[in-house]
Protein backbone atom coordinates (compact mmCIF):
# COMPACT_ATOMS: atom_id res chain seq x y z
CA MET A 1 -12.91 -1.46 17.35
CA THR A 2 -12.69 -0.66 21.05
CA LEU A 3 -13.12 2.57 23.00
CA PRO A 4 -10.53 4.07 23.23
CA SER A 5 -8.16 3.01 20.44
CA LEU A 6 -6.49 4.54 17.41
CA VAL A 7 -8.90 2.69 15.13
CA TYR A 8 -11.87 4.14 17.02
CA ALA A 9 -10.34 7.63 16.91
CA LEU A 10 -9.95 7.44 13.12
CA PHE A 11 -13.48 6.06 12.77
CA LEU A 12 -15.00 8.73 15.05
CA PHE A 13 -13.30 11.72 13.42
CA SER A 14 -14.16 10.39 9.96
CA VAL A 15 -17.84 10.11 10.92
CA VAL A 16 -17.83 13.54 12.58
CA GLY A 17 -16.18 15.13 9.53
CA VAL A 18 -18.67 13.65 7.08
CA PHE A 19 -21.59 14.36 9.47
CA TRP A 20 -20.99 18.11 9.42
CA THR A 21 -20.39 18.27 5.67
CA LEU A 22 -23.86 16.85 4.98
CA GLU A 23 -26.65 19.42 4.82
CA SER A 24 -29.65 17.10 4.64
CA LEU A 25 -31.08 15.80 7.91
CA GLN A 26 -31.97 12.48 6.32
CA ALA A 27 -28.43 12.10 4.98
CA ARG A 28 -27.04 12.68 8.48
CA LEU A 29 -29.43 10.18 10.01
CA TRP A 30 -28.54 7.50 7.47
CA LEU A 31 -24.85 8.25 8.01
CA LEU A 32 -25.30 7.53 11.72
CA VAL A 33 -27.16 4.31 10.89
CA VAL A 34 -24.49 3.05 8.48
CA ALA A 35 -21.62 4.10 10.77
CA SER A 36 -23.27 2.35 13.71
CA LEU A 37 -23.76 -0.84 11.72
CA ILE A 38 -20.07 -0.78 10.74
CA PHE A 39 -19.11 -0.18 14.39
CA TYR A 40 -21.21 -3.10 15.65
CA ALA A 41 -20.01 -5.39 12.85
CA SER A 42 -16.41 -4.70 13.88
CA LEU A 43 -17.22 -6.10 17.33
CA GLN A 44 -19.77 -8.87 16.77
CA VAL A 45 -20.93 -9.21 13.18
CA GLN A 46 -22.84 -12.46 13.81
CA TYR A 47 -25.60 -10.64 15.72
CA LEU A 48 -25.94 -7.63 13.43
CA LEU A 49 -29.07 -8.91 11.69
CA LEU A 50 -30.64 -9.82 15.04
CA MET A 51 -30.24 -6.28 16.35
CA VAL A 52 -31.68 -4.86 13.12
CA ALA A 53 -34.63 -7.27 13.37
CA VAL A 54 -35.37 -6.14 16.95
CA LEU A 55 -35.13 -2.55 15.77
CA ILE A 56 -37.63 -3.08 12.92
CA VAL A 57 -40.13 -5.00 15.05
CA THR A 58 -40.05 -2.36 17.81
CA PHE A 59 -40.50 0.44 15.27
CA LEU A 60 -43.53 -1.25 13.69
CA ILE A 61 -45.16 -2.04 17.03
CA GLY A 62 -44.55 1.53 18.24
CA ASN A 63 -46.30 2.93 15.15
CA ALA A 64 -49.17 0.48 15.60
CA ILE A 65 -49.61 1.60 19.23
CA ALA A 66 -49.64 5.25 18.14
CA ALA A 67 -52.16 4.69 15.33
CA PRO A 68 -55.23 6.85 16.10
CA LEU A 69 -58.76 5.58 16.40
CA ASP A 70 -60.79 5.82 13.20
CA TRP A 71 -63.52 8.32 14.16
CA ARG A 72 -65.41 7.68 10.94
CA ILE A 73 -67.22 4.88 12.79
CA PRO A 74 -70.91 5.85 13.31
CA ASN A 75 -71.48 7.81 16.53
CA PRO A 76 -73.65 5.24 18.39
CA ARG A 77 -70.67 2.87 18.43
CA TRP A 78 -67.82 5.27 19.31
CA GLN A 79 -67.54 4.20 22.98
CA LEU A 80 -67.31 0.55 21.98
CA ALA A 81 -64.74 1.41 19.32
CA GLU A 82 -62.68 3.37 21.84
CA ARG A 83 -62.60 0.45 24.28
CA GLY A 84 -61.52 -1.88 21.49
CA TRP A 85 -58.82 0.60 20.44
CA ASN A 86 -57.48 0.79 24.02
CA ARG A 87 -57.42 -3.01 24.31
CA ARG A 88 -55.58 -3.26 21.00
CA ARG A 89 -52.94 -0.75 22.14
CA THR A 90 -52.47 -2.60 25.43
CA HIS A 91 -52.09 -5.95 23.66
CA LEU A 92 -49.55 -4.44 21.26
CA LEU A 93 -47.60 -2.94 24.16
CA TRP A 94 -47.39 -6.28 25.96
CA LEU A 95 -46.45 -7.99 22.70
CA GLY A 96 -43.55 -5.58 22.19
CA ILE A 97 -42.40 -5.85 25.81
CA GLY A 98 -42.79 -9.64 25.76
CA LEU A 99 -40.72 -10.07 22.60
CA ASN A 100 -37.92 -7.88 23.91
CA VAL A 101 -37.89 -9.50 27.35
CA ALA A 102 -38.03 -13.01 25.86
CA LEU A 103 -35.03 -12.23 23.69
CA LEU A 104 -33.04 -10.87 26.62
CA VAL A 105 -33.99 -13.67 29.01
CA GLY A 106 -33.32 -16.25 26.31
CA PHE A 107 -29.72 -15.17 25.87
CA LYS A 108 -29.04 -14.49 29.56
CA TYR A 109 -30.52 -17.72 30.89
CA ALA A 110 -30.19 -20.20 28.02
CA GLU A 111 -26.92 -21.66 29.34
CA GLY A 112 -28.37 -22.09 32.83
CA LEU A 113 -31.47 -23.76 31.42
CA LEU A 114 -29.36 -26.16 29.33
CA ARG A 115 -27.30 -27.10 32.38
CA TRP A 116 -30.48 -27.59 34.44
CA LEU A 117 -31.81 -29.92 31.73
CA GLY A 118 -28.61 -31.95 31.92
CA PHE A 119 -26.80 -30.74 28.80
CA GLU A 120 -23.05 -30.17 28.86
CA VAL A 121 -22.39 -26.52 28.10
CA GLY A 122 -18.85 -25.69 27.02
CA SER A 123 -16.87 -22.91 28.61
CA ALA A 124 -14.24 -22.34 25.96
CA PRO A 125 -14.86 -19.53 23.44
CA SER A 126 -14.23 -21.98 20.60
CA ASP A 127 -17.02 -24.23 21.84
CA THR A 128 -19.51 -22.47 19.56
CA LEU A 129 -22.07 -25.26 19.39
CA THR A 130 -22.66 -25.37 23.13
CA ARG A 131 -21.56 -21.94 24.35
CA ILE A 132 -24.12 -19.18 23.92
CA ILE A 133 -22.50 -15.75 23.57
CA MET A 134 -24.54 -12.74 24.66
CA PRO A 135 -24.97 -10.13 21.90
CA LEU A 136 -23.05 -7.01 22.89
CA GLY A 137 -25.32 -4.21 24.01
CA LEU A 138 -28.48 -6.34 24.02
CA SER A 139 -29.52 -5.38 27.57
CA PHE A 140 -29.26 -1.64 26.92
CA PHE A 141 -30.83 -2.09 23.48
CA VAL A 142 -33.83 -3.93 24.95
CA PHE A 143 -34.25 -1.46 27.82
CA GLU A 144 -34.43 1.43 25.34
CA CYS A 145 -36.93 -0.46 23.19
CA ILE A 146 -39.19 -1.11 26.18
CA ALA A 147 -38.92 2.51 27.32
CA TYR A 148 -39.82 3.73 23.81
CA LEU A 149 -42.90 1.49 23.58
CA ILE A 150 -44.14 2.53 27.02
CA ASP A 151 -43.57 6.22 26.27
CA VAL A 152 -45.54 5.90 23.02
CA TYR A 153 -48.30 4.05 24.86
CA ARG A 154 -48.42 6.86 27.43
CA GLY A 155 -48.91 9.45 24.70
CA SER A 156 -45.51 10.43 23.32
CA PRO A 157 -45.37 10.66 19.51
CA ALA A 158 -44.00 7.62 17.71
CA ALA A 159 -41.04 7.97 15.34
CA LEU A 160 -42.30 9.33 12.02
CA ASN A 161 -39.44 7.96 9.95
CA PHE A 162 -37.58 4.70 10.22
CA SER A 163 -34.30 6.60 9.82
CA ASP A 164 -35.07 8.60 13.00
CA PHE A 165 -35.65 5.48 15.06
CA ALA A 166 -32.75 3.53 13.55
CA ALA A 167 -30.29 6.37 14.16
CA TYR A 168 -31.48 6.62 17.78
CA LYS A 169 -31.39 2.89 18.53
CA LEU A 170 -28.11 2.09 16.76
CA TYR A 171 -26.19 5.26 17.65
CA PHE A 172 -22.70 3.83 18.07
CA PRO A 173 -21.33 5.82 21.07
CA LYS A 174 -24.09 4.49 23.35
CA LEU A 175 -24.89 1.23 21.54
CA ILE A 176 -22.90 -1.21 23.70
CA SER A 177 -23.11 0.11 27.28
CA GLY A 178 -25.38 3.13 27.29
CA PRO A 179 -26.15 5.52 28.78
CA ILE A 180 -29.79 4.51 28.36
CA THR A 181 -31.36 7.31 26.31
CA ARG A 182 -34.92 8.24 25.41
CA PHE A 183 -35.96 8.71 21.81
CA HIS A 184 -37.41 12.22 21.79
CA PRO A 185 -34.59 14.12 23.57
CA PHE A 186 -32.09 12.35 21.29
CA ILE A 187 -33.81 12.96 17.96
CA ASP A 188 -34.63 16.59 18.85
CA GLN A 189 -30.89 17.30 19.19
CA VAL A 190 -30.06 15.63 15.86
CA GLU A 191 -32.76 17.65 14.10
CA GLN A 192 -31.34 20.96 15.35
CA GLN A 193 -28.40 20.56 12.91
CA LYS A 194 -26.26 23.03 14.87
CA PRO A 195 -22.50 22.39 14.84
CA PRO A 196 -20.97 22.42 18.34
CA GLY A 197 -19.29 25.59 19.46
CA LEU A 198 -15.65 25.69 20.50
CA ASN A 199 -16.44 25.08 24.18
CA THR A 200 -18.62 22.06 23.32
CA ALA A 201 -16.05 20.58 20.94
CA VAL A 202 -13.27 20.95 23.51
CA GLU A 203 -15.53 19.41 26.17
CA GLY A 204 -16.09 16.42 23.89
CA LEU A 205 -12.36 15.91 23.32
CA TRP A 206 -11.72 16.37 27.05
CA LEU A 207 -14.29 13.72 28.00
CA ILE A 208 -12.71 11.26 25.57
CA ALA A 209 -9.18 11.91 26.90
CA TYR A 210 -10.40 11.85 30.51
CA GLY A 211 -12.20 8.56 29.88
CA ALA A 212 -9.05 7.10 28.30
CA ILE A 213 -7.03 7.99 31.41
CA LYS A 214 -9.61 6.44 33.73
CA LYS A 215 -9.85 3.26 31.66
CA LEU A 216 -6.28 2.61 30.51
CA LEU A 217 -4.20 4.25 33.20
CA ILE A 218 -6.23 3.43 36.33
CA ALA A 219 -9.04 0.89 35.87
CA ASP A 220 -7.06 -1.62 33.79
CA HIS A 221 -4.11 -1.48 36.22
CA ILE A 222 -6.42 -2.03 39.20
CA ALA A 223 -7.91 -4.95 37.27
CA ILE A 224 -4.57 -6.76 37.43
CA LEU A 225 -4.71 -6.78 41.22
CA VAL A 226 -8.39 -7.78 41.23
CA ASN A 227 -7.99 -10.64 38.75
CA LEU A 228 -4.85 -12.05 40.37
CA SER A 229 -6.45 -11.96 43.82
CA PHE A 230 -9.78 -13.54 42.90
CA ASP A 231 -8.13 -16.10 40.61
CA ASN A 232 -6.11 -17.30 43.62
CA LEU A 233 -8.79 -17.31 46.31
CA GLU A 234 -7.51 -20.59 47.74
CA ARG A 235 -4.28 -18.85 48.78
CA ALA A 236 -5.72 -15.43 49.69
CA GLY A 237 -6.17 -14.31 53.26
CA SER A 238 -9.00 -12.24 54.71
CA ALA A 239 -7.18 -8.93 54.23
CA ASP A 240 -6.36 -9.87 50.63
CA ILE A 241 -10.01 -10.63 49.83
CA TRP A 242 -11.24 -7.32 51.24
CA LEU A 243 -8.47 -5.41 49.49
CA ALA A 244 -9.46 -7.03 46.20
CA THR A 245 -13.14 -6.26 46.85
CA PHE A 246 -12.31 -2.63 47.59
CA ALA A 247 -10.18 -2.50 44.45
CA TYR A 248 -12.97 -4.05 42.38
CA GLY A 249 -15.43 -1.38 43.51
CA LEU A 250 -13.04 1.29 42.27
CA GLN A 251 -12.30 -0.62 39.05
CA LEU A 252 -15.97 -1.08 38.23
CA TYR A 253 -16.77 2.60 38.73
CA LEU A 254 -13.74 3.85 36.79
CA ASP A 255 -14.21 1.31 33.99
CA PHE A 256 -17.91 1.99 33.44
CA SER A 257 -17.74 5.75 33.93
CA ALA A 258 -14.77 5.86 31.50
CA TYR A 259 -16.93 4.26 28.79
CA VAL A 260 -19.69 6.79 29.45
CA ASN A 261 -17.18 9.66 29.33
CA ILE A 262 -15.94 8.51 25.92
CA ALA A 263 -19.49 7.93 24.67
CA ARG A 264 -20.65 11.37 25.81
CA GLY A 265 -17.54 13.03 24.41
CA SER A 266 -18.00 11.32 21.05
CA ALA A 267 -21.63 12.43 20.90
CA LEU A 268 -20.78 16.05 21.78
CA LEU A 269 -18.62 16.27 18.66
CA MET A 270 -21.85 15.65 16.72
CA GLY A 271 -23.82 18.19 18.75
CA ILE A 272 -25.62 15.52 20.80
CA THR A 273 -25.67 15.55 24.61
CA LEU A 274 -26.13 12.07 26.08
CA PRO A 275 -27.39 11.87 29.68
CA GLN A 276 -24.93 11.77 32.54
CA ASN A 277 -24.61 8.36 34.17
CA PHE A 278 -22.49 8.94 37.29
CA ASP A 279 -22.28 11.75 39.81
CA ALA A 280 -19.70 10.88 42.50
CA PRO A 281 -21.68 7.90 43.86
CA TYR A 282 -18.98 6.91 46.36
CA PHE A 283 -19.50 10.15 48.27
CA THR A 284 -23.18 9.61 48.99
CA THR A 285 -24.47 9.29 52.55
CA SER A 286 -27.49 7.06 51.89
CA LEU A 287 -28.22 4.14 49.61
CA ALA A 288 -31.16 6.00 48.04
CA ASP A 289 -28.81 8.84 47.09
CA PHE A 290 -26.27 6.30 45.84
CA TRP A 291 -28.83 4.97 43.35
CA ARG A 292 -29.66 8.50 42.26
CA ARG A 293 -25.99 8.98 41.36
CA TRP A 294 -24.81 5.50 40.29
CA HIS A 295 -25.75 4.28 36.80
CA MET A 296 -28.27 7.09 36.80
CA THR A 297 -30.01 6.17 33.55
CA LEU A 298 -30.61 2.60 34.77
CA GLY A 299 -31.93 4.03 38.05
CA ASP A 300 -34.30 6.31 36.11
CA TRP A 301 -35.43 3.35 33.99
CA LEU A 302 -36.11 1.17 37.04
CA ARG A 303 -37.97 4.02 38.73
CA ASN A 304 -40.12 5.05 35.74
CA TYR A 305 -40.89 1.64 34.24
CA LEU A 306 -40.89 -0.67 37.29
CA TYR A 307 -41.11 1.16 40.62
CA PHE A 308 -43.85 3.64 39.70
CA PRO A 309 -46.03 1.05 37.88
CA LEU A 310 -45.77 -1.17 40.98
CA GLY A 311 -47.22 1.68 43.02
CA GLY A 312 -44.07 3.52 44.04
CA SER A 313 -44.44 5.07 47.48
CA ARG A 314 -48.14 5.90 47.11
CA ARG A 315 -49.59 2.84 48.86
CA GLY A 316 -48.18 2.95 52.35
CA LEU A 317 -44.86 2.11 53.97
CA VAL A 318 -45.13 -1.68 53.76
CA ARG A 319 -45.97 -1.65 50.05
CA THR A 320 -43.20 0.89 49.41
CA CYS A 321 -40.63 -1.37 51.06
CA LEU A 322 -41.89 -4.37 49.10
CA ASN A 323 -41.66 -2.40 45.84
CA LEU A 324 -38.09 -1.31 46.60
CA LEU A 325 -37.02 -4.87 47.35
CA THR A 326 -38.76 -6.22 44.24
CA VAL A 327 -37.18 -3.66 41.91
CA MET A 328 -33.66 -4.29 43.20
CA VAL A 329 -34.03 -8.08 43.02
CA ILE A 330 -35.14 -7.66 39.39
CA ALA A 331 -32.10 -5.41 38.82
CA GLY A 332 -29.91 -8.18 40.19
CA ILE A 333 -31.52 -10.82 38.01
CA TRP A 334 -31.07 -8.54 34.98
CA HIS A 335 -27.31 -8.59 35.48
CA GLY A 336 -26.97 -12.35 35.07
CA ASN A 337 -28.15 -15.88 35.75
CA ASN A 338 -25.96 -16.59 38.78
CA TRP A 339 -27.07 -16.47 42.40
CA GLY A 340 -24.51 -13.81 43.25
CA PHE A 341 -26.32 -11.17 41.18
CA LEU A 342 -29.61 -11.98 42.90
CA ILE A 343 -27.91 -11.70 46.31
CA TRP A 344 -26.34 -8.39 45.26
CA GLY A 345 -29.77 -7.05 44.25
CA ALA A 346 -31.37 -8.33 47.45
CA ILE A 347 -28.67 -6.64 49.58
CA HIS A 348 -29.31 -3.32 47.87
CA GLY A 349 -33.07 -3.84 48.17
CA ALA A 350 -32.76 -4.55 51.89
CA GLY A 351 -30.52 -1.49 52.25
CA LEU A 352 -33.10 0.72 50.53
CA VAL A 353 -35.81 -0.72 52.78
CA ALA A 354 -33.68 0.03 55.87
CA HIS A 355 -33.14 3.58 54.61
CA ARG A 356 -36.86 4.10 54.04
CA LEU A 357 -37.69 2.75 57.52
CA THR A 358 -35.02 4.99 59.05
CA GLN A 359 -36.53 7.97 57.24
CA SER A 360 -39.96 7.10 58.61
CA TRP A 361 -38.57 6.67 62.12
CA SER A 362 -36.65 9.95 61.89
CA LYS A 363 -39.87 11.82 61.11
CA ALA A 364 -41.36 10.50 64.35
CA VAL A 365 -38.20 11.19 66.40
CA PRO A 366 -36.96 14.77 65.83
CA LYS A 367 -33.67 14.16 67.65
CA LEU A 368 -32.81 11.30 65.29
CA LYS A 369 -33.62 13.48 62.28
CA ALA A 370 -31.40 16.23 63.66
CA PHE A 371 -28.56 13.75 64.27
CA TRP A 372 -28.39 12.71 60.59
CA ALA A 373 -27.91 16.39 59.65
CA THR A 374 -24.85 16.76 61.92
CA LEU A 375 -21.24 16.04 60.91
CA PRO A 376 -21.07 12.77 62.91
CA GLY A 377 -24.40 11.68 61.39
CA THR A 378 -23.19 12.51 57.87
CA VAL A 379 -19.94 10.58 58.40
CA LEU A 380 -21.82 7.62 59.87
CA GLY A 381 -24.27 7.64 56.96
CA TRP A 382 -21.37 7.67 54.47
CA LEU A 383 -19.57 4.82 56.26
CA LEU A 384 -22.68 2.63 56.46
CA THR A 385 -23.65 3.30 52.84
CA GLN A 386 -20.24 2.63 51.34
CA ALA A 387 -19.60 -0.39 53.56
CA LEU A 388 -22.77 -2.00 52.21
CA VAL A 389 -22.01 -0.99 48.62
CA PHE A 390 -18.44 -2.29 48.63
CA ALA A 391 -19.26 -5.47 50.55
CA SER A 392 -21.99 -6.27 48.02
CA TRP A 393 -19.48 -5.96 45.14
CA LEU A 394 -18.01 -9.30 46.30
CA PHE A 395 -21.14 -11.10 45.04
CA PHE A 396 -21.13 -9.01 41.86
CA ARG A 397 -17.53 -9.97 41.06
CA LEU A 398 -17.91 -13.61 42.15
CA PRO A 399 -21.50 -14.49 41.21
CA GLU A 400 -20.95 -18.27 41.11
CA PRO A 401 -21.97 -19.90 44.44
CA ASP A 402 -18.77 -21.91 44.83
CA ARG A 403 -16.63 -18.78 44.38
CA TYR A 404 -18.43 -16.38 46.70
CA THR A 405 -18.86 -19.17 49.27
CA LEU A 406 -15.10 -19.76 49.28
CA ALA A 407 -14.47 -16.03 49.54
CA LEU A 408 -16.86 -15.70 52.49
CA GLN A 409 -15.27 -18.69 54.24
CA ARG A 410 -11.88 -17.01 54.02
CA ALA A 411 -13.13 -13.44 54.65
CA TRP A 412 -12.57 -13.47 58.42
CA GLY A 413 -9.56 -14.59 60.42
CA THR A 414 -7.75 -16.36 57.59
CA PRO A 415 -4.05 -15.62 57.02
CA SER A 416 -2.79 -15.53 53.46
CA ASP A 417 -0.44 -18.09 51.99
CA ALA A 418 3.14 -16.81 52.09
CA GLN A 419 3.45 -17.38 48.37
CA PHE A 420 0.34 -15.27 47.68
CA SER A 421 1.96 -12.04 48.85
CA GLN A 422 5.21 -12.86 47.10
CA LEU A 423 3.70 -13.85 43.74
CA VAL A 424 0.68 -11.51 43.55
CA TYR A 425 1.93 -8.36 45.24
CA LEU A 426 5.71 -8.26 44.90
CA GLU A 427 6.49 -10.18 41.72
CA SER A 428 3.39 -9.40 39.63
CA LEU A 429 2.63 -5.86 40.81
CA GLY A 430 5.86 -4.69 42.43
CA PHE A 431 4.17 -3.37 45.57
CA THR A 432 3.49 -4.58 49.09
CA PHE A 433 -0.01 -4.93 50.53
CA SER A 434 0.33 -1.64 52.42
CA GLN A 435 1.58 0.21 49.36
CA LEU A 436 -1.32 -1.08 47.25
CA LEU A 437 -3.82 -0.06 49.91
CA LEU A 438 -2.25 3.40 50.00
CA LEU A 439 -2.40 3.69 46.20
CA LEU A 440 -6.08 2.73 46.15
CA TRP A 441 -6.87 5.31 48.82
CA GLY A 442 -4.88 7.76 46.70
CA VAL A 443 -7.35 7.09 43.87
CA VAL A 444 -10.20 7.76 46.29
CA GLY A 445 -8.41 10.95 47.33
CA LEU A 446 -8.22 12.15 43.72
CA MET A 447 -11.93 11.38 43.29
CA GLY A 448 -12.64 13.28 46.50
CA LEU A 449 -10.59 16.27 45.36
CA SER A 450 -12.50 16.38 42.07
CA TYR A 451 -15.79 16.13 43.97
CA LEU A 452 -14.74 18.93 46.35
CA MET A 453 -13.72 21.23 43.51
CA LYS A 454 -17.02 20.74 41.67
CA ARG A 455 -19.50 20.50 44.54
CA GLY A 456 -17.74 22.45 47.28
CA PHE A 457 -15.91 25.25 45.46
CA LYS A 458 -17.99 25.18 42.23
CA LEU A 459 -14.79 25.22 40.16
CA GLU A 460 -14.34 23.82 36.65
CA LEU A 461 -11.33 23.70 34.36
CA SER A 462 -11.58 26.30 31.62
CA TRP A 463 -11.68 25.16 28.01
CA PRO A 464 -8.10 26.31 27.22
CA VAL A 465 -6.77 24.21 30.12
CA LYS A 466 -8.81 21.22 28.99
CA LEU A 467 -7.55 21.65 25.43
CA LEU A 468 -3.95 21.61 26.68
CA LEU A 469 -4.62 18.50 28.79
CA VAL A 470 -6.23 16.51 25.96
CA PRO A 471 -2.97 15.59 24.15
CA LEU A 472 -1.16 15.07 27.48
CA PHE A 473 -3.85 12.71 28.81
CA SER A 474 -4.06 10.88 25.49
CA LEU A 475 -0.28 10.37 25.43
CA LEU A 476 -0.15 9.16 29.04
CA ALA A 477 -3.00 6.72 28.42
CA TRP A 478 -1.25 5.42 25.32
CA LEU A 479 2.21 5.05 26.92
CA LEU A 480 1.25 3.76 30.37
CA ALA A 481 -1.64 1.44 29.49
CA PRO A 482 -1.18 -2.26 30.33
CA ALA A 483 0.13 -4.51 27.56
CA GLU A 484 -3.39 -5.89 27.08
CA THR A 485 -6.43 -3.64 27.03
CA LEU A 486 -9.23 -5.35 28.95
CA PRO A 487 -12.84 -5.34 27.73
CA TYR A 488 -15.25 -3.14 29.60
CA ILE A 489 -16.88 -4.93 32.53
CA TYR A 490 -20.42 -3.93 31.50
CA PHE A 491 -19.94 -5.52 28.09
CA ASP A 492 -20.94 -8.73 29.89
CA PHE A 493 -24.35 -7.32 30.78
């Protein structure tokens, strides 16, 4: 059951229909739990019990952390009892974090550890005894569990009922690839039991149709170019490699944001607003602003649960730069067990450090600060930011050392094989290099037009227009999608 598909559409509208016919809050919560279990089982049934086990353990530890101190202890010993209570809560918190992190690291790095120990690890999907398959959604699942435990430790109320927590953790629109959501804002919306108004319902359908267009009509077609180019690196020239890297940056954004659009649209039909995850990140003029608008819920998680506990920007410039670099390296390691992800994180960390140093320098040099506010300064900031972002996607797409090394060796001054252009561009895609480059910039132009309408002119499509576009977008996505629908890129993480 993939998003989007006819099977998912039937599943979603069946759940939504039953959801609003139920009057009891508990019945609605258990409906979401059962529907989410069915959804996950349709994708990866072998890990269903594991996810439920993680859910139960996190729920129990959260309640144990929130358990109040027994004040019936005689007064002379209350200070000692309070210190013991605090130590117990801290130990429970680290136990919950440790179990979740160990599970995530175990699946992400088990294959690498086996190879390091000298075991032969199979690469074929059928090689089930030696190939370790990552449970879908585990990273996002674990991040939400850790956030919940820390929030409870910091004083937020723990889930009163298991059904509340299970519905939140397993909620099927966000289960596989987010957006990362906090418990209390989610459960508060479910408890309101207010059916969505016409505008909200249309917005939900529009987000689903819009996500389908981005995924099936644009991202999956760009993926053909990206996959053909990177699968034939030995024949690709420098221009081909950078074209594929540029295309991959667009594919990744469109693919991931399409999933979030469909997830948010699905949730709106049940009266639930999931957090936004992207806000035109390719039109930012600094790397710090890029991370405020790219994968926003992951950025919030890294900031609240890593950057701030490390000291944030409260301990001087040197410590701030070290914290930024540390957080981004950890973000890179989170994505996978190959060196390319670590390099990607380190590049972004170094870019954030450079931005922070430039900010500090600009405060001391008023002319430099004034320059960044001018049109040339804004354009230069955009060019530098996006050049770093798109160049770093090469390591993200080719995380294995032998692949990114080969790409870097051929990235400058290398002509392409004559057969590469003929087979990849003309025969497989039906376009020349120049035409493909123009089409990709056309996609950027459409993104820029959308950004200008929303940010510059403050214009939005009205709900009647969106309602008319929903069937048109759905039909176009259905008719013009590639023969094979590709899995979402972030399913691998």
